């Protein structure tokens, strides 16, 4: 488009795992700051804004790997997200701060919505395109980070597979749109981490597919219990 040659996203498996672990650590610090320290640390708050864009990118990058559709990756990922999302919901709602006691649903439901939309897009065809749009519109209305979060995942996946100005614009725009939720643009700093990861050489960090699925509900449970003890 317009003769612009956009760079492909080339990141080694070890660097992708490094992004995932960085996001995991920052997520934990952000949740401690939010639920136990009542957002007392502006530094931890700012660092926490890059977590969702990083996790969304890791999901998108892995779903964009060759053979994901043929190898049945999408159903497996959606099944895990649905199960762990459901398991996490009681403790997530128990932490408080949600409208009507449940809205929005936790980030796992957002990642599930994005994965389902990407699945339809990868299958291709008019009806699958329509299904993807409906999934984004309905799912994005009820999950954490709303449509910007889903938009980040879907556009990052599309860009990783086929770099284009349109996909990049939606990716950047969706990330910037998180300012409507975060009240700042710190989420855009996630691109700096992604670019830095693409510059890293081989890293011996083993891929641990299920770590996040176990850690996410576990750490929220611990934080919820600590919060209850501190209020006594």
C-alpha atoms as a PDB file:
ATOM      1  CA  UNK A   1       0.000   0.000   0.000  1.00  0.00           C
ATOM      2  CA  UNK A   2       1.399   3.389  -1.149  1.00  0.00           C
ATOM      3  CA  UNK A   3       4.664   1.543  -1.835  1.00  0.00           C
ATOM      4  CA  UNK A   4       5.452   1.280   1.876  1.00  0.00           C
ATOM      5  CA  UNK A   5       7.322  -1.878   2.847  1.00  0.00           C
ATOM      6  CA  UNK A   6       6.531  -2.703   6.438  1.00  0.00           C
ATOM      7  CA  UNK A   7       8.815  -4.885   8.579  1.00  0.00           C
ATOM      8  CA  UNK A   8       7.685  -8.332   9.636  1.00  0.00           C
ATOM      9  CA  UNK A   9       7.576  -9.166  13.323  1.00  0.00           C
ATOM     10  CA  UNK A  10      10.353 -11.710  13.863  1.00  0.00           C
ATOM     11  CA  UNK A  11      10.862 -12.713  17.492  1.00  0.00           C
ATOM     12  CA  UNK A  12      12.437 -15.879  18.804  1.00  0.00           C
ATOM     13  CA  UNK A  13      10.564 -18.267  21.081  1.00  0.00           C
ATOM     14  CA  UNK A  14      12.798 -17.349  24.013  1.00  0.00           C
ATOM     15  CA  UNK A  15      12.105 -13.631  23.569  1.00  0.00           C
ATOM     16  CA  UNK A  16       8.347 -14.283  23.376  1.00  0.00           C
ATOM     17  CA  UNK A  17       8.585 -16.142  26.677  1.00  0.00           C
ATOM     18  CA  UNK A  18      10.582 -13.232  28.119  1.00  0.00           C
ATOM     19  CA  UNK A  19       7.728 -10.865  27.171  1.00  0.00           C
ATOM     20  CA  UNK A  20       5.245 -13.224  28.814  1.00  0.00           C
ATOM     21  CA  UNK A  21       7.243 -13.392  32.070  1.00  0.00           C
ATOM     22  CA  UNK A  22       7.746  -9.635  32.105  1.00  0.00           C
ATOM     23  CA  UNK A  23       3.995  -9.144  31.693  1.00  0.00           C
ATOM     24  CA  UNK A  24       3.343 -11.707  34.440  1.00  0.00           C
ATOM     25  CA  UNK A  25       5.581  -9.860  36.913  1.00  0.00           C
ATOM     26  CA  UNK A  26       4.173  -6.438  36.019  1.00  0.00           C
ATOM     27  CA  UNK A  27       0.617  -7.788  36.277  1.00  0.00           C
ATOM     28  CA  UNK A  28       1.299  -9.066  39.786  1.00  0.00           C
ATOM     29  CA  UNK A  29       2.781  -5.742  40.888  1.00  0.00           C
ATOM     30  CA  UNK A  30      -0.123  -3.873  39.300  1.00  0.00           C
ATOM     31  CA  UNK A  31      -2.705  -6.003  41.098  1.00  0.00           C
ATOM     32  CA  UNK A  32      -0.900  -5.593  44.409  1.00  0.00           C
ATOM     33  CA  UNK A  33      -0.877  -1.844  43.850  1.00  0.00           C
ATOM     34  CA  UNK A  34      -4.561  -1.793  42.880  1.00  0.00           C
ATOM     35  CA  UNK A  35      -6.134  -4.141  45.392  1.00  0.00           C
ATOM     36  CA  UNK A  36      -3.803  -3.923  48.401  1.00  0.00           C
ATOM     37  CA  UNK A  37      -2.196  -0.474  48.090  1.00  0.00           C
ATOM     38  CA  UNK A  38      -5.211   1.279  46.523  1.00  0.00           C
ATOM     39  CA  UNK A  39      -3.123   2.615  43.613  1.00  0.00           C
ATOM     40  CA  UNK A  40      -0.713   4.365  45.970  1.00  0.00           C
ATOM     41  CA  UNK A  41       2.220   3.917  43.567  1.00  0.00           C
ATOM     42  CA  UNK A  42       1.969   5.876  40.290  1.00  0.00           C
ATOM     43  CA  UNK A  43       5.065   4.040  39.004  1.00  0.00           C
ATOM     44  CA  UNK A  44       3.476   0.610  39.451  1.00  0.00           C
ATOM     45  CA  UNK A  45       0.261   1.939  37.932  1.00  0.00           C
ATOM     46  CA  UNK A  46       2.097   3.169  34.839  1.00  0.00           C
ATOM     47  CA  UNK A  47       4.028  -0.084  34.440  1.00  0.00           C
ATOM     48  CA  UNK A  48       0.802  -2.031  34.820  1.00  0.00           C
ATOM     49  CA  UNK A  49      -0.719  -0.344  31.764  1.00  0.00           C
ATOM     50  CA  UNK A  50       1.601  -2.243  29.407  1.00  0.00           C
ATOM     51  CA  UNK A  51       0.481  -5.651  30.693  1.00  0.00           C
ATOM     52  CA  UNK A  52      -2.645  -6.141  28.599  1.00  0.00           C
ATOM     53  CA  UNK A  53      -1.017  -5.056  25.292  1.00  0.00           C
ATOM     54  CA  UNK A  54       1.892  -7.416  25.985  1.00  0.00           C
ATOM     55  CA  UNK A  55      -0.302 -10.412  26.808  1.00  0.00           C
ATOM     56  CA  UNK A  56      -2.478  -9.605  23.804  1.00  0.00           C
ATOM     57  CA  UNK A  57       0.572  -9.526  21.552  1.00  0.00           C
ATOM     58  CA  UNK A  58       1.905 -12.844  22.880  1.00  0.00           C
ATOM     59  CA  UNK A  59      -1.472 -14.484  22.234  1.00  0.00           C
ATOM     60  CA  UNK A  60      -1.666 -12.975  18.738  1.00  0.00           C
ATOM     61  CA  UNK A  61       1.909 -13.968  17.891  1.00  0.00           C
ATOM     62  CA  UNK A  62       1.356 -17.572  18.939  1.00  0.00           C
ATOM     63  CA  UNK A  63      -1.955 -17.818  17.058  1.00  0.00           C
ATOM     64  CA  UNK A  64      -0.212 -16.467  13.950  1.00  0.00           C
ATOM     65  CA  UNK A  65       2.275 -19.345  13.909  1.00  0.00           C
ATOM     66  CA  UNK A  66       2.102 -21.473  10.740  1.00  0.00           C
ATOM     67  CA  UNK A  67      -0.371 -24.343  10.965  1.00  0.00           C
ATOM     68  CA  UNK A  68      -2.377 -22.963  13.891  1.00  0.00           C
ATOM     69  CA  UNK A  69      -5.689 -23.545  12.123  1.00  0.00           C
ATOM     70  CA  UNK A  70      -4.842 -26.964  10.693  1.00  0.00           C
ATOM     71  CA  UNK A  71      -3.388 -28.192  13.975  1.00  0.00           C
ATOM     72  CA  UNK A  72      -6.469 -27.299  16.024  1.00  0.00           C
ATOM     73  CA  UNK A  73      -4.718 -24.662  18.126  1.00  0.00           C
ATOM     74  CA  UNK A  74      -7.743 -22.369  18.329  1.00  0.00           C
ATOM     75  CA  UNK A  75     -10.180 -24.822  19.968  1.00  0.00           C
ATOM     76  CA  UNK A  76      -7.559 -25.826  22.541  1.00  0.00           C
ATOM     77  CA  UNK A  77      -6.768 -22.225  23.465  1.00  0.00           C
ATOM     78  CA  UNK A  78     -10.445 -21.262  23.623  1.00  0.00           C
ATOM     79  CA  UNK A  79     -11.228 -24.247  25.841  1.00  0.00           C
ATOM     80  CA  UNK A  80      -8.458 -23.342  28.291  1.00  0.00           C
ATOM     81  CA  UNK A  81      -9.459 -19.677  28.374  1.00  0.00           C
ATOM     82  CA  UNK A  82     -13.121 -20.533  28.961  1.00  0.00           C
ATOM     83  CA  UNK A  83     -12.384 -22.995  31.784  1.00  0.00           C
ATOM     84  CA  UNK A  84      -9.862 -20.816  33.606  1.00  0.00           C
ATOM     85  CA  UNK A  85     -11.937 -17.699  32.961  1.00  0.00           C
ATOM     86  CA  UNK A  86     -14.921 -19.370  34.633  1.00  0.00           C
ATOM     87  CA  UNK A  87     -12.778 -20.600  37.540  1.00  0.00           C
ATOM     88  CA  UNK A  88     -11.348 -17.097  38.022  1.00  0.00           C
ATOM     89  CA  UNK A  89     -14.686 -15.272  37.878  1.00  0.00           C
ATOM     90  CA  UNK A  90     -15.714 -15.815  41.545  1.00  0.00           C
ATOM     91  CA  UNK A  91     -12.438 -14.478  42.960  1.00  0.00           C
ATOM     92  CA  UNK A  92     -12.320 -11.684  40.366  1.00  0.00           C
ATOM     93  CA  UNK A  93     -15.779 -10.499  41.375  1.00  0.00           C
ATOM     94  CA  UNK A  94     -14.823 -10.956  45.031  1.00  0.00           C
ATOM     95  CA  UNK A  95     -12.094  -8.353  44.646  1.00  0.00           C
ATOM     96  CA  UNK A  96     -14.816  -5.774  44.038  1.00  0.00           C
ATOM     97  CA  UNK A  97     -14.916  -2.630  41.952  1.00  0.00           C
ATOM     98  CA  UNK A  98     -17.179  -4.095  39.246  1.00  0.00           C
ATOM     99  CA  UNK A  99     -20.481  -2.724  37.999  1.00  0.00           C
ATOM    100  CA  UNK A 100     -23.536  -4.836  38.864  1.00  0.00           C
ATOM    101  CA  UNK A 101     -21.129  -7.088  40.780  1.00  0.00           C
ATOM    102  CA  UNK A 102     -19.792  -8.789  37.635  1.00  0.00           C
ATOM    103  CA  UNK A 103     -19.157  -6.352  34.749  1.00  0.00           C
ATOM    104  CA  UNK A 104     -16.778  -6.425  32.995  1.00  0.00           C
ATOM    105  CA  UNK A 105     -15.626 -10.052  32.847  1.00  0.00           C
ATOM    106  CA  UNK A 106     -11.933 -10.711  33.509  1.00  0.00           C
ATOM    107  CA  UNK A 107      -9.169 -10.533  30.908  1.00  0.00           C
ATOM    108  CA  UNK A 108      -9.386 -14.244  30.099  1.00  0.00           C
ATOM    109  CA  UNK A 109     -12.841 -13.668  28.618  1.00  0.00           C
ATOM    110  CA  UNK A 110     -11.400 -10.821  26.557  1.00  0.00           C
ATOM    111  CA  UNK A 111      -8.640 -13.093  25.264  1.00  0.00           C
ATOM    112  CA  UNK A 112     -11.286 -15.742  24.543  1.00  0.00           C
ATOM    113  CA  UNK A 113     -13.329 -13.228  22.537  1.00  0.00           C
ATOM    114  CA  UNK A 114     -10.242 -12.226  20.564  1.00  0.00           C
ATOM    115  CA  UNK A 115      -9.236 -15.853  19.926  1.00  0.00           C
ATOM    116  CA  UNK A 116     -12.724 -16.709  18.663  1.00  0.00           C
ATOM    117  CA  UNK A 117     -12.711 -13.699  16.330  1.00  0.00           C
ATOM    118  CA  UNK A 118      -9.241 -14.574  15.014  1.00  0.00           C
ATOM    119  CA  UNK A 119     -10.390 -18.168  14.491  1.00  0.00           C
ATOM    120  CA  UNK A 120     -13.227 -17.031  12.241  1.00  0.00           C
ATOM    121  CA  UNK A 121     -10.943 -14.651  10.362  1.00  0.00           C
ATOM    122  CA  UNK A 122      -8.355 -17.378   9.811  1.00  0.00           C
ATOM    123  CA  UNK A 123     -11.022 -19.728   8.410  1.00  0.00           C
ATOM    124  CA  UNK A 124     -11.963 -17.035   5.902  1.00  0.00           C
ATOM    125  CA  UNK A 125     -15.109 -16.525   3.874  1.00  0.00           C
ATOM    126  CA  UNK A 126     -18.020 -14.095   4.080  1.00  0.00           C
ATOM    127  CA  UNK A 127     -19.921 -15.866   6.854  1.00  0.00           C
ATOM    128  CA  UNK A 128     -16.844 -16.344   8.998  1.00  0.00           C
ATOM    129  CA  UNK A 129     -16.042 -12.651   8.567  1.00  0.00           C
ATOM    130  CA  UNK A 130     -19.558 -11.818   9.749  1.00  0.00           C
ATOM    131  CA  UNK A 131     -19.152 -14.196  12.709  1.00  0.00           C
ATOM    132  CA  UNK A 132     -15.889 -12.466  13.647  1.00  0.00           C
ATOM    133  CA  UNK A 133     -17.530  -9.028  13.572  1.00  0.00           C
ATOM    134  CA  UNK A 134     -20.471 -10.212  15.695  1.00  0.00           C
ATOM    135  CA  UNK A 135     -18.084 -11.871  18.158  1.00  0.00           C
ATOM    136  CA  UNK A 136     -16.088  -8.656  18.528  1.00  0.00           C
ATOM    137  CA  UNK A 137     -19.169  -6.446  18.897  1.00  0.00           C
ATOM    138  CA  UNK A 138     -20.936  -8.632  21.462  1.00  0.00           C
ATOM    139  CA  UNK A 139     -17.921 -10.014  23.305  1.00  0.00           C
ATOM    140  CA  UNK A 140     -16.141  -6.670  23.455  1.00  0.00           C
ATOM    141  CA  UNK A 141     -19.077  -5.114  25.285  1.00  0.00           C
ATOM    142  CA  UNK A 142     -18.751  -7.370  28.318  1.00  0.00           C
ATOM    143  CA  UNK A 143     -15.038  -7.960  28.929  1.00  0.00           C
ATOM    144  CA  UNK A 144     -12.109  -6.139  30.483  1.00  0.00           C
ATOM    145  CA  UNK A 145     -10.506  -3.585  28.152  1.00  0.00           C
ATOM    146  CA  UNK A 146     -13.601  -3.765  25.947  1.00  0.00           C
ATOM    147  CA  UNK A 147     -13.219  -3.341  22.185  1.00  0.00           C
ATOM    148  CA  UNK A 148      -9.741  -1.763  22.365  1.00  0.00           C
ATOM    149  CA  UNK A 149      -8.398  -4.910  24.044  1.00  0.00           C
ATOM    150  CA  UNK A 150      -9.962  -7.188  21.449  1.00  0.00           C
ATOM    151  CA  UNK A 151      -8.791  -4.842  18.701  1.00  0.00           C
ATOM    152  CA  UNK A 152      -5.193  -5.061  19.909  1.00  0.00           C
ATOM    153  CA  UNK A 153      -5.192  -8.859  19.742  1.00  0.00           C
ATOM    154  CA  UNK A 154      -6.917  -9.138  16.372  1.00  0.00           C
ATOM    155  CA  UNK A 155      -4.909  -6.422  14.622  1.00  0.00           C
ATOM    156  CA  UNK A 156      -1.599  -7.674  16.086  1.00  0.00           C
ATOM    157  CA  UNK A 157      -2.408 -11.170  14.773  1.00  0.00           C
ATOM    158  CA  UNK A 158      -3.217  -9.787  11.347  1.00  0.00           C
ATOM    159  CA  UNK A 159      -0.037  -7.703  11.246  1.00  0.00           C
ATOM    160  CA  UNK A 160       2.172 -10.618  12.312  1.00  0.00           C
ATOM    161  CA  UNK A 161       0.702 -12.749   9.511  1.00  0.00           C
ATOM    162  CA  UNK A 162       0.496 -10.063   6.813  1.00  0.00           C
ATOM    163  CA  UNK A 163       2.069  -6.692   7.678  1.00  0.00           C
ATOM    164  CA  UNK A 164      -0.066  -3.821   6.399  1.00  0.00           C
ATOM    165  CA  UNK A 165      -0.622  -0.175   7.201  1.00  0.00           C
ATOM    166  CA  UNK A 166      -4.265  -0.889   8.002  1.00  0.00           C
ATOM    167  CA  UNK A 167      -3.447  -3.568  10.577  1.00  0.00           C
ATOM    168  CA  UNK A 168      -0.698  -1.408  12.095  1.00  0.00           C
ATOM    169  CA  UNK A 169      -3.027   1.601  12.314  1.00  0.00           C
ATOM    170  CA  UNK A 170      -5.720  -0.431  14.092  1.00  0.00           C
ATOM    171  CA  UNK A 171      -3.117  -1.988  16.413  1.00  0.00           C
ATOM    172  CA  UNK A 172      -1.668   1.394  17.389  1.00  0.00           C
ATOM    173  CA  UNK A 173      -5.098   3.032  17.516  1.00  0.00           C
ATOM    174  CA  UNK A 174      -6.557   0.298  19.726  1.00  0.00           C
ATOM    175  CA  UNK A 175      -3.597   0.558  22.082  1.00  0.00           C
ATOM    176  CA  UNK A 176      -3.945   4.334  22.278  1.00  0.00           C
ATOM    177  CA  UNK A 177      -7.703   3.932  22.837  1.00  0.00           C
ATOM    178  CA  UNK A 178      -6.941   2.195  26.139  1.00  0.00           C
ATOM    179  CA  UNK A 179      -6.427   5.739  27.421  1.00  0.00           C
ATOM    180  CA  UNK A 180     -10.239   5.885  27.639  1.00  0.00           C
ATOM    181  CA  UNK A 181      -9.937   3.232  30.350  1.00  0.00           C
ATOM    182  CA  UNK A 182      -6.503   3.955  31.830  1.00  0.00           C
ATOM    183  CA  UNK A 183      -6.690   7.766  31.644  1.00  0.00           C
ATOM    184  CA  UNK A 184      -3.173   7.810  30.185  1.00  0.00           C
ATOM    185  CA  UNK A 185      -1.196   6.530  27.210  1.00  0.00           C
ATOM    186  CA  UNK A 186       1.292   4.324  29.046  1.00  0.00           C
ATOM    187  CA  UNK A 187      -0.116   1.271  27.250  1.00  0.00           C
ATOM    188  CA  UNK A 188       1.678   2.481  24.112  1.00  0.00           C
ATOM    189  CA  UNK A 189       5.002   1.769  25.845  1.00  0.00           C
ATOM    190  CA  UNK A 190       4.309  -1.901  25.123  1.00  0.00           C
ATOM    191  CA  UNK A 191       5.556  -1.311  21.566  1.00  0.00           C
ATOM    192  CA  UNK A 192       8.986  -0.414  22.959  1.00  0.00           C
ATOM    193  CA  UNK A 193       9.178  -3.803  24.701  1.00  0.00           C
ATOM    194  CA  UNK A 194       8.038  -5.623  21.562  1.00  0.00           C
ATOM    195  CA  UNK A 195      10.616  -3.834  19.402  1.00  0.00           C
ATOM    196  CA  UNK A 196      13.321  -4.540  21.993  1.00  0.00           C
ATOM    197  CA  UNK A 197      12.362  -8.233  22.025  1.00  0.00           C
ATOM    198  CA  UNK A 198      12.741  -8.373  18.235  1.00  0.00           C
ATOM    199  CA  UNK A 199      16.344  -7.212  18.651  1.00  0.00           C
ATOM    200  CA  UNK A 200      17.253  -9.951  21.115  1.00  0.00           C
ATOM    201  CA  UNK A 201      19.247 -12.959  20.039  1.00  0.00           C
ATOM    202  CA  UNK A 202      18.419 -16.566  20.943  1.00  0.00           C
ATOM    203  CA  UNK A 203      17.325 -16.980  24.560  1.00  0.00           C
ATOM    204  CA  UNK A 204      17.150 -20.290  26.413  1.00  0.00           C
ATOM    205  CA  UNK A 205      13.771 -19.719  28.060  1.00  0.00           C
ATOM    206  CA  UNK A 206      11.552 -22.807  27.795  1.00  0.00           C
ATOM    207  CA  UNK A 207       7.971 -22.342  26.608  1.00  0.00           C
ATOM    208  CA  UNK A 208       5.526 -22.960  29.448  1.00  0.00           C
ATOM    209  CA  UNK A 209       2.091 -23.007  27.838  1.00  0.00           C
ATOM    210  CA  UNK A 210      -0.033 -23.491  30.953  1.00  0.00           C
ATOM    211  CA  UNK A 211       1.815 -21.301  33.459  1.00  0.00           C
ATOM    212  CA  UNK A 212      -0.377 -18.258  32.947  1.00  0.00           C
ATOM    213  CA  UNK A 213      -3.569 -20.310  33.169  1.00  0.00           C
ATOM    214  CA  UNK A 214      -2.551 -21.571  36.610  1.00  0.00           C
ATOM    215  CA  UNK A 215      -0.917 -18.403  37.877  1.00  0.00           C
ATOM    216  CA  UNK A 216      -3.693 -15.944  37.010  1.00  0.00           C
ATOM    217  CA  UNK A 217      -6.430 -17.348  39.293  1.00  0.00           C
ATOM    218  CA  UNK A 218      -3.862 -18.383  41.918  1.00  0.00           C
ATOM    219  CA  UNK A 219      -2.335 -14.935  42.403  1.00  0.00           C
ATOM    220  CA  UNK A 220      -5.758 -13.244  42.466  1.00  0.00           C
ATOM    221  CA  UNK A 221      -6.876 -15.701  45.141  1.00  0.00           C
ATOM    222  CA  UNK A 222      -3.849 -14.866  47.284  1.00  0.00           C
ATOM    223  CA  UNK A 223      -4.391 -11.119  46.828  1.00  0.00           C
ATOM    224  CA  UNK A 224      -8.089 -11.479  47.656  1.00  0.00           C
ATOM    225  CA  UNK A 225      -7.250 -13.408  50.841  1.00  0.00           C
ATOM    226  CA  UNK A 226      -4.632 -10.851  51.876  1.00  0.00           C
ATOM    227  CA  UNK A 227      -7.097  -8.041  51.256  1.00  0.00           C
ATOM    228  CA  UNK A 228      -9.664  -9.755  53.470  1.00  0.00           C
ATOM    229  CA  UNK A 229      -7.112 -10.202  56.272  1.00  0.00           C
ATOM    230  CA  UNK A 230      -5.971  -6.562  56.052  1.00  0.00           C
ATOM    231  CA  UNK A 231      -9.586  -5.342  56.350  1.00  0.00           C
ATOM    232  CA  UNK A 232     -10.207  -7.285  59.550  1.00  0.00           C
END
